C-alpha atoms as a PDB file:
ATOM      1  CA  MET A   1     -10.079  28.712 -35.782  1.00  0.00           C
ATOM      2  CA  GLU A   2      -9.157  25.111 -36.476  1.00  0.00           C
ATOM      3  CA  GLN A   3      -7.308  23.338 -33.681  1.00  0.00           C
ATOM      4  CA  TYR A   4      -4.783  20.622 -34.479  1.00  0.00           C
ATOM      5  CA  ASN A   5      -3.671  17.875 -32.188  1.00  0.00           C
ATOM      6  CA  TYR A   6      -0.162  16.600 -32.552  1.00  0.00           C
ATOM      7  CA  ILE A   7       1.812  13.559 -31.526  1.00  0.00           C
ATOM      8  CA  GLU A   8       5.541  13.679 -31.037  1.00  0.00           C
ATOM      9  CA  VAL A   9       7.403  11.795 -33.777  1.00  0.00           C
ATOM     10  CA  ASN A  10       9.574   9.943 -31.235  1.00  0.00           C
ATOM     11  CA  GLU A  11       6.469   8.769 -29.389  1.00  0.00           C
ATOM     12  CA  PHE A  12       4.814   7.640 -32.625  1.00  0.00           C
ATOM     13  CA  CYS A  13       7.932   5.737 -33.683  1.00  0.00           C
ATOM     14  CA  ILE A  14       8.249   3.948 -30.352  1.00  0.00           C
ATOM     15  CA  SER A  15       4.598   2.890 -30.398  1.00  0.00           C
ATOM     16  CA  HIS A  16       4.904   1.566 -33.976  1.00  0.00           C
ATOM     17  CA  GLY A  17       8.357   0.003 -33.639  1.00  0.00           C
ATOM     18  CA  ILE A  18      10.044   2.101 -36.328  1.00  0.00           C
ATOM     19  CA  THR A  19      12.970   4.499 -36.391  1.00  0.00           C
ATOM     20  CA  THR A  20      12.665   8.254 -36.461  1.00  0.00           C
ATOM     21  CA  GLN A  21      14.988   8.191 -39.477  1.00  0.00           C
ATOM     22  CA  PHE A  22      12.283   6.325 -41.414  1.00  0.00           C
ATOM     23  CA  MET A  23       9.758   9.024 -40.552  1.00  0.00           C
ATOM     24  CA  PHE A  24      12.140  11.743 -41.702  1.00  0.00           C
ATOM     25  CA  GLU A  25      12.682   9.857 -44.969  1.00  0.00           C
ATOM     26  CA  LEU A  26       8.906   9.762 -45.468  1.00  0.00           C
ATOM     27  CA  HIS A  27       8.866  13.505 -44.888  1.00  0.00           C
ATOM     28  CA  GLU A  28      11.685  14.042 -47.399  1.00  0.00           C
ATOM     29  CA  PHE A  29       9.745  12.022 -49.992  1.00  0.00           C
ATOM     30  CA  GLY A  30       6.757  14.292 -49.344  1.00  0.00           C
ATOM     31  CA  LEU A  31       4.581  11.450 -48.098  1.00  0.00           C
ATOM     32  CA  ILE A  32       3.898  12.909 -44.637  1.00  0.00           C
ATOM     33  CA  GLU A  33       4.154  16.310 -43.039  1.00  0.00           C
ATOM     34  CA  ILE A  34       6.316  16.742 -39.953  1.00  0.00           C
ATOM     35  CA  ILE A  35       6.038  19.965 -37.994  1.00  0.00           C
ATOM     36  CA  GLN A  36       8.846  21.256 -35.811  1.00  0.00           C
ATOM     37  CA  LYS A  37       8.178  23.353 -32.724  1.00  0.00           C
ATOM     38  CA  LYS A  38      10.895  24.213 -30.220  1.00  0.00           C
ATOM     39  CA  ASN A  39      13.296  21.582 -31.643  1.00  0.00           C
ATOM     40  CA  ILE A  40      10.704  18.818 -31.278  1.00  0.00           C
ATOM     41  CA  GLN A  41       9.169  17.166 -34.336  1.00  0.00           C
ATOM     42  CA  TYR A  42       5.447  16.482 -34.396  1.00  0.00           C
ATOM     43  CA  LEU A  43       3.014  14.618 -36.601  1.00  0.00           C
ATOM     44  CA  SER A  44      -0.520  16.011 -36.812  1.00  0.00           C
ATOM     45  CA  ASN A  45      -3.437  13.721 -36.054  1.00  0.00           C
ATOM     46  CA  LYS A  46      -4.701  14.155 -39.616  1.00  0.00           C
ATOM     47  CA  GLU A  47      -1.438  12.555 -40.836  1.00  0.00           C
ATOM     48  CA  LEU A  48      -1.724   9.481 -38.576  1.00  0.00           C
ATOM     49  CA  PRO A  49      -3.869   7.284 -40.869  1.00  0.00           C
ATOM     50  CA  LYS A  50      -1.606   8.052 -43.820  1.00  0.00           C
ATOM     51  CA  ALA A  51       1.552   7.346 -41.798  1.00  0.00           C
ATOM     52  CA  GLU A  52       0.131   4.086 -40.454  1.00  0.00           C
ATOM     53  CA  LYS A  53      -0.877   2.952 -43.943  1.00  0.00           C
ATOM     54  CA  ILE A  54       2.638   3.675 -45.209  1.00  0.00           C
ATOM     55  CA  ILE A  55       4.188   1.782 -42.300  1.00  0.00           C
ATOM     56  CA  ARG A  56       2.029  -1.249 -43.092  1.00  0.00           C
ATOM     57  CA  LEU A  57       3.083  -1.149 -46.743  1.00  0.00           C
ATOM     58  CA  TYR A  58       6.725  -0.899 -45.730  1.00  0.00           C
ATOM     59  CA  SER A  59       6.701  -3.446 -42.902  1.00  0.00           C
ATOM     60  CA  ASP A  60       4.101  -6.025 -43.909  1.00  0.00           C
ATOM     61  CA  LEU A  61       4.577  -6.003 -47.682  1.00  0.00           C
ATOM     62  CA  ASP A  62       8.265  -5.040 -47.717  1.00  0.00           C
ATOM     63  CA  ILE A  63       7.727  -2.250 -50.254  1.00  0.00           C
ATOM     64  CA  ASN A  64      10.532   0.295 -50.570  1.00  0.00           C
ATOM     65  CA  LEU A  65      10.031   4.054 -50.310  1.00  0.00           C
ATOM     66  CA  GLU A  66       9.976   4.567 -54.062  1.00  0.00           C
ATOM     67  CA  GLY A  67       7.234   1.958 -54.394  1.00  0.00           C
ATOM     68  CA  ILE A  68       5.294   3.516 -51.530  1.00  0.00           C
ATOM     69  CA  GLU A  69       5.533   6.895 -53.240  1.00  0.00           C
ATOM     70  CA  VAL A  70       4.067   5.437 -56.455  1.00  0.00           C
ATOM     71  CA  ILE A  71       1.285   3.648 -54.557  1.00  0.00           C
ATOM     72  CA  HIS A  72       0.490   6.822 -52.609  1.00  0.00           C
ATOM     73  CA  ASP A  73       0.251   8.881 -55.808  1.00  0.00           C
ATOM     74  CA  LEU A  74      -1.977   6.289 -57.473  1.00  0.00           C
ATOM     75  CA  LEU A  75      -4.295   6.109 -54.455  1.00  0.00           C
ATOM     76  CA  GLU A  76      -4.623   9.901 -54.438  1.00  0.00           C
ATOM     77  CA  ARG A  77      -5.471   9.858 -58.155  1.00  0.00           C
ATOM     78  CA  ILE A  78      -8.103   7.163 -57.567  1.00  0.00           C
ATOM     79  CA  GLU A  79      -9.691   9.204 -54.768  1.00  0.00           C
ATOM     80  CA  ARG A  80      -9.779  12.302 -56.985  1.00  0.00           C
ATOM     81  CA  MET A  81     -11.313  10.344 -59.850  1.00  0.00           C
ATOM     82  CA  GLN A  82     -13.932   8.813 -57.544  1.00  0.00           C
ATOM     83  CA  GLY A  83     -14.875  12.327 -56.453  1.00  0.00           C
ATOM     84  CA  GLU A  84     -15.178  13.398 -60.086  1.00  0.00           C
ATOM     85  CA  ILE A  85     -17.333  10.355 -60.908  1.00  0.00           C
ATOM     86  CA  LEU A  86     -19.624  11.139 -57.993  1.00  0.00           C
ATOM     87  CA  ALA A  87     -19.942  14.770 -59.119  1.00  0.00           C
ATOM     88  CA  LEU A  88     -20.721  13.661 -62.684  1.00  0.00           C
ATOM     89  CA  LYS A  89     -23.332  11.179 -61.442  1.00  0.00           C
ATOM     90  CA  ASN A  90     -24.995  13.931 -59.447  1.00  0.00           C
ATOM     91  CA  ARG A  91     -25.058  16.239 -62.474  1.00  0.00           C
ATOM     92  CA  LEU A  92     -26.438  13.449 -64.643  1.00  0.00           C
ATOM     93  CA  GLN A  93     -29.277  12.801 -62.190  1.00  0.00           C
ATOM     94  CA  ALA A  94     -30.297  16.435 -62.544  1.00  0.00           C
ATOM     95  CA  TYR A  95     -30.914  15.826 -66.276  1.00  0.00           C
ATOM     96  CA  GLU A  96     -32.843  12.586 -65.830  1.00  0.00           C
END
């Protein structure tokens, strides 16, 4: 059974200097997953790198949520394509 570690959204927001409303907007856009247990919202540890990357795009580069959504989708496509390229390279080596 896989065990997840969570951080409370309020705690995460305080440590990163952002509002909880921003995190909920990211959740509404489908960029991060927020889990609610006993009226407390949590962010899983596997979501932390993604959330921190989004915060940097928003804060440091002043990119709006729509732009972040586009960037996120493009980065996911690039990762998928890199995986496909690696798989194709491995198949090609079998024929060489």
